[in-house]
Amino acid sequence: MYKVFLVEDEIVIREGIKNNIHWEEEGFKIVGDESDGELAYPLIIREQPDILITDIKMPFMDGLELSKLLKKEIPQLKIIIISGYSDFGYAQQAIDIGVNEYLLKPVTSVKLVAAVKNAAVAIEKERKEKQILEQYQLLVYQKQGEKRKDFFNALVSGKLSLSQIIEQEEELGINMVASVFCVLLFQFKVQEDMYEYSNEIVQCEARMTEALKRFSDIKVFERGMDGWAFILLGDNELQINALTQELCNLLIRICDNKAQYFGGIGRCVHRIRDLHQSYLDANSAFSLRYFESRDQFLSFNDVRKIKAQIGNRINVRELNLEKLDRNLLEDFLKRGTIHDVDEFVDSYFEGFGSNAMNSALFRHYIIMDGYSAIMKFLKDLNYPKEKIDNSLKSMNGVTDQLSSLEDCGEFYKSILKEAIELRNKNSQKRYAGLIEQAKEYMHLKFAKSDLTLDKVASTVNVSPNYFSSLFNQQTGMTFIEYLTDIRMEKAKDYLRCSGKKITEIGFLVGYQDSHYFSYIFKKTQNCTPSEYRLQGKGEE
């Protein structure tokens, strides 16, 4: 049902148009009418109709002025002008504005309905073209997911030259031109098992990505199990600060008390090559999610103050291994990432206080306790003791070599990284079989037009972020590439081995829109479905 708004100052004509045509039977609905453009304008903005029928000559604001204003606010609006003036000057102005049809009075119902139906055809064509473009852009975006992730990592490493940055921006369709930059790292709270599927988090991420489409000055990068990264662009620091606050408020509203969150905010930098500094600051704040309560955003300015308070939560007086509180370390072993190890250990050590950590005896005690906790964690994952011993550095005589606080920190970081790598390998092995289940499910359900990564991930109870990374590792393809391959191969079977129409084949392989099916087929197979069918006949 297309929405129509009518503006006509002569009440007899206006009522005649409204009542003498069976609009709903024709597929249209009159959503409002007014006697002049000035009164109509705010109502049209509110109602957002598909089609406007307006007289050209009216008091206060004529049809041409109204059309000109509306085309700026609602570019897709189709406009039909009814005029008693055959002067070409009026028609030329209407053409320049972008009016669809210019009808001279008197206008019959048949002629008006025909004009409105022409407008509907144009609307439908534009919608299909827009849908095809959006679907293809989504396909490209998903295919570029890993490239975007790599670009972000390279960008914040500070290793790319400006020319390399510009080159990759062009390839990925990302515009990073700005005077000031800021990095914000963010994560929705994960489950006890951080790889498990969570419908609440999936919904939050979907709402977030949709809402952020309107922010051209916020670049979004998915980081897998590390959450999300945002690069904020602006002309000055005040603008960045306001944008940061707006983004934080948006993310809080999206969570809506249904999911927990944590964010770390870096400092503003004035060169794109200095983004690594903003990232390091943001990551320093972000790593405090292992120590701080959820549902907050911390900036790099908060880090020093909070690290000084961490010691209050660690019982440094009880130097007995059995009594030392291991909650922070055990929680990190379950949920921490390789990227967070350095910040975690630094914060963990700082929490004990300088007096305690200056004691060689206490440092060795902490090392032994950490090693013991890691051994227990890996054994709980059913790792054989010999494999653990082969992977982790032996403690035999190691404490004698750790003479300084720096040496202790580096050793602690190394065994923690080894433990997390073993945990990740164990998880990948554990979930690798699920990828085969997912592939079987995709081959079975490929004809469903609503088959998405989230839906497949939910069937194997794996978080979409982890599923996406795991699927890419196991198959060498993105989810959408693999699904498109399945659909294209099945489509080729239909084209060669059946007499089914191309529109029907598109539907049978999961595409509700035949135009989009043909578009994707040509993009992936380098020929149209019709051409492919003819090639098969030529081979017979």
Protein backbone atom coordinates (compact mmCIF):
# COMPACT_ATOMS: atom_id res chain seq x y z
CA MET A 1 0.00 0.00 0.00
CA TYR A 2 1.59 3.27 -1.15
CA LYS A 3 0.94 6.42 0.92
CA VAL A 4 -0.44 9.49 -0.91
CA PHE A 5 -0.72 13.09 0.34
CA LEU A 6 -2.98 15.60 -1.43
CA VAL A 7 -2.56 19.40 -1.49
CA GLU A 8 -5.27 21.39 -3.33
CA ASP A 9 -6.77 24.78 -2.37
CA GLU A 10 -10.09 24.23 -4.16
CA ILE A 11 -12.10 22.11 -1.73
CA VAL A 12 -14.46 20.72 -4.38
CA ILE A 13 -11.53 19.36 -6.43
CA ARG A 14 -9.76 18.09 -3.30
CA GLU A 15 -12.82 16.21 -2.03
CA GLY A 16 -13.49 14.89 -5.53
CA ILE A 17 -9.99 13.41 -5.80
CA LYS A 18 -10.31 11.88 -2.33
CA ASN A 19 -13.77 10.40 -2.74
CA ASN A 20 -14.25 9.63 -6.43
CA ILE A 21 -11.34 7.23 -6.69
CA HIS A 22 -11.27 3.86 -4.88
CA TRP A 23 -7.74 4.43 -3.67
CA GLU A 24 -7.33 1.33 -1.52
CA GLU A 25 -8.60 -0.95 -4.31
CA GLU A 26 -5.90 0.54 -6.51
CA GLY A 27 -3.22 -0.12 -3.85
CA PHE A 28 -2.95 3.39 -2.38
CA LYS A 29 -3.93 5.17 0.82
CA ILE A 30 -4.60 8.89 1.30
CA VAL A 31 -2.69 9.72 4.50
CA GLY A 32 -3.47 13.43 4.59
CA ASP A 33 -4.68 16.48 2.68
CA GLU A 34 -4.37 20.24 3.04
CA SER A 35 -5.38 23.45 1.28
CA ASP A 36 -1.92 25.01 0.83
CA GLY A 37 1.76 24.18 0.96
CA GLU A 38 2.49 26.04 4.18
CA LEU A 39 -0.01 23.95 6.16
CA ALA A 40 0.89 20.76 4.30
CA TYR A 41 4.67 20.90 4.70
CA PRO A 42 5.00 19.85 8.40
CA LEU A 43 2.32 17.17 7.96
CA ILE A 44 4.11 15.68 4.96
CA ILE A 45 7.41 15.63 6.86
CA ARG A 46 5.64 13.76 9.67
CA GLU A 47 3.70 11.29 7.48
CA GLN A 48 6.55 10.58 5.02
CA PRO A 49 4.24 9.71 2.08
CA ASP A 50 5.46 7.94 -1.06
CA ILE A 51 3.56 10.19 -3.48
CA LEU A 52 2.49 13.84 -3.38
CA ILE A 53 -0.34 15.21 -5.55
CA THR A 54 -0.33 19.00 -5.46
CA ASP A 55 -1.88 21.97 -7.25
CA ILE A 56 0.64 24.45 -8.61
CA LYS A 57 -1.16 27.69 -7.75
CA MET A 58 -2.13 28.05 -4.06
CA PRO A 59 -2.06 30.83 -1.44
CA PHE A 60 0.82 31.19 1.06
CA MET A 61 3.02 28.53 -0.56
CA ASP A 62 2.53 27.26 -4.11
CA GLY A 63 3.12 23.73 -5.37
CA LEU A 64 6.53 24.46 -6.91
CA GLU A 65 7.95 25.94 -3.71
CA LEU A 66 6.49 23.07 -1.69
CA SER A 67 7.97 20.51 -4.09
CA LYS A 68 11.38 22.17 -3.96
CA LEU A 69 11.46 22.06 -0.14
CA LEU A 70 10.24 18.49 0.05
CA LYS A 71 12.75 17.16 -2.48
CA LYS A 72 15.51 18.29 -0.11
CA GLU A 73 13.93 16.56 2.89
CA ILE A 74 12.44 13.47 1.17
CA PRO A 75 14.47 12.91 -2.03
CA GLN A 76 12.65 9.67 -2.87
CA LEU A 77 9.21 11.38 -2.83
CA LYS A 78 7.32 11.14 -6.14
CA ILE A 79 5.51 14.36 -7.04
CA ILE A 80 2.56 14.82 -9.40
CA ILE A 81 1.62 18.43 -10.13
CA ILE A 82 -1.88 19.37 -11.27
CA SER A 83 -1.94 22.74 -12.97
CA GLY A 84 -4.32 25.01 -14.81
CA TYR A 85 -1.35 26.65 -16.53
CA SER A 86 0.04 25.32 -19.78
CA ASP A 87 2.86 27.88 -19.72
CA PHE A 88 6.10 25.97 -20.50
CA GLY A 89 7.94 28.01 -17.86
CA TYR A 90 6.02 26.31 -15.07
CA ALA A 91 6.64 22.88 -16.57
CA GLN A 92 10.35 23.62 -16.95
CA GLN A 93 10.60 24.63 -13.28
CA ALA A 94 8.80 21.41 -12.32
CA ILE A 95 11.28 19.35 -14.38
CA ASP A 96 14.24 21.14 -12.77
CA ILE A 97 12.87 20.36 -9.29
CA GLY A 98 12.42 16.68 -10.13
CA VAL A 99 8.65 16.47 -10.40
CA ASN A 100 7.52 13.17 -11.92
CA GLU A 101 4.41 14.27 -13.84
CA TYR A 102 2.83 17.60 -14.79
CA LEU A 103 -0.90 17.21 -15.51
CA LEU A 104 -3.09 19.96 -16.93
CA LYS A 105 -6.57 20.57 -15.55
CA PRO A 106 -9.16 19.26 -15.93
CA VAL A 107 -7.74 15.88 -14.91
CA THR A 108 -9.89 12.76 -15.15
CA SER A 109 -9.81 10.06 -12.49
CA VAL A 110 -8.43 7.60 -15.05
CA LYS A 111 -5.56 9.92 -15.96
CA LEU A 112 -4.71 10.68 -12.32
CA VAL A 113 -4.75 7.01 -11.33
CA ALA A 114 -2.49 6.21 -14.28
CA ALA A 115 -0.04 8.90 -13.15
CA VAL A 116 -0.05 7.61 -9.58
CA LYS A 117 0.52 4.04 -10.79
CA ASN A 118 3.46 5.23 -12.90
CA ALA A 119 4.89 6.77 -9.74
CA ALA A 120 4.37 3.47 -7.90
CA VAL A 121 6.25 1.59 -10.62
CA ALA A 122 9.14 4.04 -10.28
CA ILE A 123 9.09 3.64 -6.48
CA GLU A 124 9.17 -0.15 -6.74
CA LYS A 125 12.05 -0.04 -9.21
CA GLU A 126 14.07 2.26 -6.95
CA ARG A 127 13.37 0.08 -3.91
CA LYS A 128 14.56 -3.05 -5.72
CA GLU A 129 17.68 -1.28 -6.93
CA LYS A 130 18.34 -0.03 -3.41
CA GLN A 131 17.76 -3.51 -1.97
CA ILE A 132 20.14 -5.06 -4.50
CA LEU A 133 22.77 -2.43 -3.72
CA GLU A 134 22.37 -2.88 0.06
CA GLN A 135 22.52 -6.67 -0.21
CA TYR A 136 25.61 -6.48 -2.37
CA GLN A 137 27.22 -3.95 -0.04
CA LEU A 138 26.51 -6.34 2.84
CA LEU A 139 28.14 -9.16 0.87
CA VAL A 140 31.19 -7.00 0.17
CA TYR A 141 31.30 -5.84 3.81
CA GLN A 142 31.18 -9.41 5.09
CA LYS A 143 33.85 -10.52 2.62
CA GLN A 144 36.02 -7.62 3.75
CA GLY A 145 35.50 -8.39 7.45
CA GLU A 146 38.91 -10.00 7.91
CA LYS A 147 40.57 -7.30 5.80
CA ARG A 148 38.96 -4.58 7.95
CA LYS A 149 40.19 -6.35 11.08
CA ASP A 150 43.72 -6.56 9.65
CA PHE A 151 43.55 -2.91 8.58
CA PHE A 152 42.58 -1.80 12.09
CA ASN A 153 45.38 -3.84 13.67
CA ALA A 154 47.92 -2.43 11.19
CA LEU A 155 46.57 1.09 11.68
CA VAL A 156 46.91 1.08 15.47
CA SER A 157 50.30 -0.63 15.32
CA GLY A 158 51.72 2.59 13.88
CA LYS A 159 53.59 0.64 11.19
CA LEU A 160 51.68 1.92 8.13
CA SER A 161 52.87 4.92 6.16
CA LEU A 162 50.33 7.56 5.16
CA SER A 163 50.38 6.35 1.54
CA GLN A 164 49.74 2.75 2.69
CA ILE A 165 46.85 3.93 4.87
CA ILE A 166 45.28 5.84 1.97
CA GLU A 167 45.71 2.85 -0.36
CA GLN A 168 43.95 0.48 2.07
CA GLU A 169 41.23 3.04 2.77
CA GLU A 170 40.40 3.14 -0.93
CA GLU A 171 40.37 -0.66 -1.19
CA LEU A 172 38.01 -1.02 1.80
CA GLY A 173 35.88 2.04 1.06
CA ILE A 174 36.76 3.72 4.37
CA ASN A 175 37.25 7.49 4.55
CA MET A 176 39.55 8.39 7.46
CA VAL A 177 40.10 12.06 6.60
CA ALA A 178 39.91 14.16 9.79
CA SER A 179 41.91 16.55 11.97
CA VAL A 180 41.49 14.67 15.26
CA PHE A 181 41.15 10.93 16.01
CA CYS A 182 40.22 8.84 19.03
CA VAL A 183 39.97 5.07 19.65
CA LEU A 184 37.25 3.51 21.79
CA LEU A 185 37.31 -0.23 22.58
CA PHE A 186 34.07 -1.91 23.61
CA GLN A 187 32.71 -5.31 24.56
CA PHE A 188 29.34 -6.73 25.49
CA LYS A 189 29.63 -9.07 28.48
CA VAL A 190 30.37 -12.64 27.46
CA GLN A 191 28.97 -15.77 29.08
CA GLU A 192 30.77 -17.99 31.59
CA ASP A 193 31.86 -19.89 28.50
CA MET A 194 32.94 -16.99 26.31
CA TYR A 195 32.35 -18.97 23.10
CA GLU A 196 28.71 -19.76 23.92
CA TYR A 197 25.84 -18.30 21.89
CA SER A 198 23.95 -15.43 23.53
CA ASN A 199 20.78 -14.19 21.86
CA GLU A 200 20.79 -11.00 23.94
CA ILE A 201 24.28 -10.06 22.77
CA VAL A 202 23.46 -10.93 19.13
CA GLN A 203 20.45 -8.63 19.27
CA CYS A 204 22.49 -5.85 20.90
CA GLU A 205 25.20 -6.11 18.23
CA ALA A 206 22.58 -6.03 15.45
CA ARG A 207 20.97 -2.90 16.94
CA MET A 208 24.39 -1.32 17.37
CA THR A 209 25.58 -1.89 13.78
CA GLU A 210 22.25 -0.64 12.42
CA ALA A 211 22.26 2.50 14.61
CA LEU A 212 25.86 3.37 13.73
CA LYS A 213 25.13 3.45 9.99
CA ARG A 214 24.04 7.07 10.39
CA PHE A 215 27.38 8.09 11.94
CA SER A 216 29.82 8.71 9.09
CA ASP A 217 32.36 10.03 11.61
CA ILE A 218 32.49 6.75 13.58
CA LYS A 219 34.34 3.87 11.91
CA VAL A 220 33.39 0.44 13.28
CA PHE A 221 35.74 -2.56 13.37
CA GLU A 222 34.82 -6.02 14.62
CA ARG A 223 37.55 -7.65 16.73
CA GLY A 224 36.13 -11.14 17.20
CA MET A 225 36.32 -12.25 20.83
CA ASP A 226 38.03 -8.95 21.69
CA GLY A 227 34.76 -7.12 21.06
CA TRP A 228 34.55 -3.98 18.92
CA ALA A 229 36.72 -1.00 18.10
CA PHE A 230 35.54 2.45 17.09
CA ILE A 231 37.67 5.17 15.57
CA LEU A 232 36.05 8.57 16.06
CA LEU A 233 36.82 11.36 13.60
CA GLY A 234 36.41 15.10 14.09
CA ASP A 235 37.66 18.60 13.39
CA ASN A 236 38.69 19.34 16.99
CA GLU A 237 38.86 17.76 20.44
CA LEU A 238 35.60 19.34 21.63
CA GLN A 239 33.81 17.70 18.72
CA ILE A 240 35.44 14.34 19.50
CA ASN A 241 34.48 14.59 23.18
CA ALA A 242 30.84 15.30 22.27
CA LEU A 243 30.83 12.44 19.76
CA THR A 244 32.36 10.08 22.34
CA GLN A 245 29.63 10.95 24.82
CA GLU A 246 26.96 10.43 22.17
CA LEU A 247 28.41 7.02 21.26
CA CYS A 248 28.59 5.92 24.91
CA ASN A 249 24.99 6.97 25.51
CA LEU A 250 23.89 5.12 22.38
CA LEU A 251 25.64 1.90 23.48
CA ILE A 252 24.11 2.15 26.96
CA ARG A 253 20.61 2.53 25.47
CA ILE A 254 21.22 -0.45 23.18
CA CYS A 255 22.17 -2.66 26.16
CA ASP A 256 18.96 -1.54 27.90
CA ASN A 257 19.85 -3.52 31.05
CA LYS A 258 19.63 -6.75 29.02
CA ALA A 259 23.36 -7.10 28.48
CA GLN A 260 26.37 -5.84 30.39
CA TYR A 261 29.17 -3.86 28.75
CA PHE A 262 32.59 -2.33 29.24
CA GLY A 263 34.47 0.32 27.27
CA GLY A 264 37.92 1.90 27.23
CA ILE A 265 38.51 5.36 25.75
CA GLY A 266 41.87 6.57 24.42
CA ARG A 267 43.22 10.10 24.14
CA CYS A 268 42.69 12.37 21.14
CA VAL A 269 45.52 12.47 18.60
CA HIS A 270 46.04 14.86 15.71
CA ARG A 271 47.72 12.56 13.20
CA ILE A 272 46.32 9.32 11.85
CA ARG A 273 49.74 7.71 12.29
CA ASP A 274 49.49 8.46 16.03
CA LEU A 275 46.38 6.29 16.38
CA HIS A 276 48.56 3.63 18.02
CA GLN A 277 48.95 5.93 21.04
CA SER A 278 45.19 6.41 21.35
CA TYR A 279 44.79 2.64 20.99
CA LEU A 280 47.36 1.88 23.71
CA ASP A 281 45.57 4.30 26.05
CA ALA A 282 42.17 2.80 25.22
CA ASN A 283 43.50 -0.75 25.69
CA SER A 284 45.03 0.19 29.04
CA ALA A 285 41.59 1.32 30.22
CA PHE A 286 39.83 -1.59 28.48
CA SER A 287 42.04 -4.19 30.19
CA LEU A 288 40.67 -3.05 33.55
CA ARG A 289 37.46 -4.94 32.74
CA TYR A 290 39.09 -7.89 34.51
CA PHE A 291 39.37 -5.83 37.72
CA GLU A 292 36.48 -3.36 37.52
CA SER A 293 32.74 -3.95 37.58
CA ARG A 294 30.91 -4.00 34.27
CA ASP A 295 28.57 -1.37 32.84
CA GLN A 296 31.01 1.52 32.64
CA PHE A 297 33.31 3.39 30.27
CA LEU A 298 36.80 4.24 31.52
CA SER A 299 39.15 6.72 29.89
CA PHE A 300 42.95 6.62 29.89
CA ASN A 301 42.80 9.33 32.60
CA ASP A 302 41.08 6.89 34.98
CA VAL A 303 43.74 4.17 34.70
CA ARG A 304 46.36 5.44 37.18
CA LYS A 305 43.79 6.13 39.90
CA ILE A 306 42.10 2.73 39.51
CA LYS A 307 45.35 0.76 39.40
CA ALA A 308 46.30 2.33 42.72
CA GLN A 309 43.05 1.00 44.20
CA ILE A 310 43.41 -2.55 42.86
CA GLY A 311 45.68 -3.49 45.75
CA ASN A 312 42.76 -3.01 48.14
CA ARG A 313 41.12 -6.03 46.50
CA ILE A 314 44.20 -8.27 46.67
CA ASN A 315 45.07 -9.58 50.13
CA VAL A 316 48.83 -9.00 50.23
CA ARG A 317 49.12 -9.79 53.94
CA GLU A 318 48.16 -13.41 53.49
CA LEU A 319 51.23 -14.82 51.84
CA ASN A 320 49.96 -18.39 52.03
CA LEU A 321 49.37 -20.00 48.65
CA GLU A 322 46.19 -21.64 49.91
CA LYS A 323 44.77 -18.34 51.08
CA LEU A 324 45.87 -15.98 48.29
CA ASP A 325 42.77 -14.83 46.40
CA ARG A 326 43.03 -16.21 42.84
CA ASN A 327 39.69 -14.96 41.53
CA LEU A 328 41.20 -12.28 39.30
CA LEU A 329 43.75 -14.65 37.76
CA GLU A 330 41.29 -17.52 37.32
CA ASP A 331 38.76 -15.21 35.70
CA PHE A 332 41.43 -13.94 33.30
CA LEU A 333 42.45 -17.51 32.40
CA LYS A 334 38.84 -18.19 31.41
CA ARG A 335 38.09 -14.99 29.51
CA GLY A 336 41.32 -13.12 28.85
CA THR A 337 42.94 -12.67 25.45
CA ILE A 338 46.57 -12.71 24.34
CA HIS A 339 46.36 -8.97 23.63
CA ASP A 340 45.37 -8.25 27.24
CA VAL A 341 48.12 -10.23 28.99
CA ASP A 342 50.70 -7.43 29.28
CA GLU A 343 48.21 -4.90 30.66
CA PHE A 344 46.68 -7.49 32.99
CA VAL A 345 49.99 -8.56 34.52
CA ASP A 346 51.16 -4.95 34.91
CA SER A 347 47.91 -4.05 36.69
CA TYR A 348 47.96 -7.26 38.73
CA PHE A 349 51.50 -6.62 39.96
CA GLU A 350 50.86 -2.93 40.63
CA GLY A 351 47.88 -3.95 42.73
CA PHE A 352 50.17 -5.64 45.27
CA GLY A 353 51.95 -2.35 45.90
CA SER A 354 55.60 -1.39 45.41
CA ASN A 355 56.65 -2.41 48.92
CA ALA A 356 55.47 -6.00 48.46
CA MET A 357 56.78 -6.34 44.89
CA ASN A 358 60.20 -5.01 45.87
CA SER A 359 60.59 -8.11 48.02
CA ALA A 360 62.25 -10.92 46.04
CA LEU A 361 60.61 -13.47 48.35
CA PHE A 362 57.12 -12.08 47.66
CA ARG A 363 57.76 -11.89 43.90
CA HIS A 364 58.77 -15.55 43.83
CA TYR A 365 55.71 -16.38 45.90
CA ILE A 366 53.44 -14.70 43.33
CA ILE A 367 55.22 -16.50 40.47
CA MET A 368 54.77 -19.86 42.16
CA ASP A 369 51.13 -19.16 42.89
CA GLY A 370 50.48 -18.08 39.30
CA TYR A 371 52.21 -21.16 37.94
CA SER A 372 50.18 -23.36 40.28
CA ALA A 373 46.91 -21.71 39.22
CA ILE A 374 47.79 -22.13 35.53
CA MET A 375 48.67 -25.81 36.00
CA LYS A 376 45.33 -26.43 37.74
CA PHE A 377 43.43 -24.55 35.01
CA LEU A 378 45.02 -26.60 32.21
CA LYS A 379 44.46 -29.86 34.06
CA ASP A 380 40.78 -28.91 34.40
CA LEU A 381 40.75 -28.64 30.59
CA ASN A 382 41.94 -32.30 30.55
CA TYR A 383 45.39 -31.48 29.23
CA PRO A 384 47.82 -34.35 29.99
CA LYS A 385 50.56 -33.37 32.42
CA GLU A 386 53.36 -34.20 29.96
CA LYS A 387 51.85 -31.86 27.35
CA ILE A 388 51.57 -29.08 29.93
CA ASP A 389 55.18 -29.61 30.99
CA ASN A 390 56.30 -29.49 27.34
CA SER A 391 54.41 -26.26 26.71
CA LEU A 392 55.05 -24.28 29.88
CA LYS A 393 58.50 -23.25 31.00
CA SER A 394 59.83 -25.44 33.78
CA MET A 395 59.93 -23.92 37.25
CA ASN A 396 63.08 -25.88 38.16
CA GLY A 397 65.61 -23.27 39.20
CA VAL A 398 63.69 -20.48 37.41
CA THR A 399 63.11 -18.41 40.55
CA ASP A 400 66.85 -18.11 41.05
CA GLN A 401 67.14 -16.47 37.63
CA LEU A 402 64.33 -13.94 38.24
CA SER A 403 66.38 -11.33 40.04
CA SER A 404 64.36 -8.22 39.12
CA LEU A 405 60.73 -7.17 39.09
CA GLU A 406 60.97 -6.77 35.30
CA ASP A 407 62.23 -10.37 34.93
CA CYS A 408 59.35 -11.65 37.07
CA GLY A 409 56.85 -9.70 35.03
CA GLU A 410 58.17 -11.01 31.72
CA PHE A 411 58.20 -14.60 32.99
CA TYR A 412 54.66 -14.29 34.37
CA LYS A 413 53.45 -12.86 31.04
CA SER A 414 55.13 -15.65 29.07
CA ILE A 415 53.53 -18.51 31.03
CA LEU A 416 50.15 -16.76 30.98
CA LYS A 417 50.34 -16.35 27.19
CA GLU A 418 51.27 -20.01 26.81
CA ALA A 419 48.28 -21.00 28.94
CA ILE A 420 45.87 -18.88 26.90
CA GLU A 421 47.24 -20.25 23.63
CA LEU A 422 46.69 -23.79 24.93
CA ARG A 423 43.18 -22.80 26.04
CA ASN A 424 42.42 -21.38 22.60
CA LYS A 425 43.76 -24.46 20.81
CA ASN A 426 41.67 -26.64 23.09
CA SER A 427 38.58 -24.55 22.34
CA GLN A 428 39.20 -24.63 18.59
CA LYS A 429 39.62 -28.40 18.69
CA ARG A 430 36.50 -28.68 20.80
CA TYR A 431 34.45 -26.58 18.40
CA ALA A 432 35.99 -27.70 15.10
CA GLY A 433 33.49 -30.57 14.82
CA LEU A 434 30.68 -28.04 15.09
CA ILE A 435 31.82 -26.40 11.85
CA GLU A 436 31.06 -29.65 10.04
CA GLN A 437 27.62 -29.63 11.64
CA ALA A 438 27.18 -26.02 10.54
CA LYS A 439 28.20 -26.86 6.95
CA GLU A 440 25.73 -29.75 6.87
CA TYR A 441 23.02 -27.42 8.15
CA MET A 442 23.86 -24.85 5.45
CA HIS A 443 23.68 -27.48 2.70
CA LEU A 444 20.30 -28.55 4.07
CA LYS A 445 18.81 -25.06 4.56
CA PHE A 446 20.50 -23.01 1.78
CA ALA A 447 17.11 -22.35 0.13
CA LYS A 448 15.94 -20.36 3.16
CA SER A 449 16.28 -16.67 2.30
CA ASP A 450 16.68 -15.77 5.98
CA LEU A 451 19.64 -18.10 6.55
CA THR A 452 22.17 -15.90 8.35
CA LEU A 453 25.46 -16.37 10.19
CA ASP A 454 23.69 -15.64 13.49
CA LYS A 455 21.08 -18.31 12.82
CA VAL A 456 23.64 -20.98 11.91
CA ALA A 457 25.82 -20.03 14.91
CA SER A 458 22.80 -20.42 17.20
CA THR A 459 22.11 -23.93 15.89
CA VAL A 460 25.56 -25.06 17.06
CA ASN A 461 25.44 -22.84 20.18
CA VAL A 462 28.56 -20.82 19.38
CA SER A 463 28.83 -17.03 19.61
CA PRO A 464 28.59 -15.42 16.12
CA ASN A 465 31.95 -13.64 16.51
CA TYR A 466 33.79 -16.82 17.40
CA PHE A 467 31.84 -18.87 14.85
CA SER A 468 32.80 -16.40 12.11
CA SER A 469 36.52 -16.62 12.99
CA LEU A 470 36.41 -20.39 13.41
CA PHE A 471 34.53 -20.89 10.13
CA ASN A 472 37.09 -18.81 8.26
CA GLN A 473 39.99 -20.75 9.81
CA GLN A 474 38.47 -24.14 9.03
CA THR A 475 37.22 -23.46 5.48
CA GLY A 476 39.42 -20.59 4.24
CA MET A 477 36.20 -18.76 3.30
CA THR A 478 33.83 -16.35 5.00
CA PHE A 479 30.38 -17.62 5.92
CA ILE A 480 28.69 -15.61 3.16
CA GLU A 481 31.21 -16.79 0.54
CA TYR A 482 30.57 -20.41 1.47
CA LEU A 483 26.78 -19.97 1.43
CA THR A 484 26.90 -18.13 -1.90
CA ASP A 485 29.00 -20.95 -3.38
CA ILE A 486 26.41 -23.52 -2.28
CA ARG A 487 23.60 -21.48 -3.82
CA MET A 488 25.42 -20.81 -7.08
CA GLU A 489 26.34 -24.48 -7.58
CA LYS A 490 22.73 -25.50 -7.00
CA ALA A 491 21.53 -22.75 -9.35
CA LYS A 492 23.86 -24.04 -12.07
CA ASP A 493 22.39 -27.53 -11.63
CA TYR A 494 18.89 -26.13 -12.13
CA LEU A 495 19.96 -24.06 -15.15
CA ARG A 496 21.60 -27.03 -16.88
CA CYS A 497 19.28 -29.84 -15.82
CA SER A 498 15.80 -28.31 -15.67
CA GLY A 499 13.51 -26.08 -17.65
CA LYS A 500 12.61 -23.93 -14.65
CA LYS A 501 12.36 -20.17 -15.13
CA ILE A 502 15.25 -18.08 -13.84
CA THR A 503 12.96 -16.26 -11.40
CA GLU A 504 11.88 -19.62 -9.97
CA ILE A 505 15.47 -20.87 -9.72
CA GLY A 506 16.47 -17.75 -7.78
CA PHE A 507 13.70 -18.45 -5.28
CA LEU A 508 14.66 -22.14 -5.02
CA VAL A 509 18.25 -21.31 -4.05
CA GLY A 510 17.38 -18.72 -1.40
CA TYR A 511 16.90 -15.41 -3.21
CA GLN A 512 13.48 -13.81 -2.94
CA ASP A 513 14.39 -11.15 -5.48
CA SER A 514 15.15 -12.52 -8.95
CA HIS A 515 17.03 -9.33 -9.90
CA TYR A 516 19.38 -9.77 -6.96
CA PHE A 517 19.86 -13.45 -7.84
CA SER A 518 20.85 -12.53 -11.41
CA TYR A 519 23.11 -9.76 -10.09
CA ILE A 520 24.98 -12.11 -7.70
CA PHE A 521 25.17 -14.86 -10.33
CA LYS A 522 26.85 -12.55 -12.81
CA LYS A 523 29.22 -11.18 -10.14
CA THR A 524 30.34 -14.64 -9.07
CA GLN A 525 30.13 -16.62 -12.35
CA ASN A 526 31.07 -13.85 -14.83
CA CYS A 527 27.94 -14.44 -16.92
CA THR A 528 24.18 -14.09 -16.53
CA PRO A 529 21.99 -17.11 -15.69
CA SER A 530 20.61 -17.02 -19.26
CA GLU A 531 24.09 -17.01 -20.76
CA TYR A 532 25.11 -19.92 -18.54
CA ARG A 533 22.06 -21.90 -19.65
CA LEU A 534 22.86 -21.21 -23.32
CA GLN A 535 26.48 -22.35 -22.81
CA GLY A 536 25.16 -25.69 -21.61
CA LYS A 537 23.01 -26.10 -24.69
CA GLY A 538 25.97 -25.28 -26.91
CA GLU A 539 27.98 -28.10 -25.34
CA GLU A 540 25.30 -30.73 -26.03
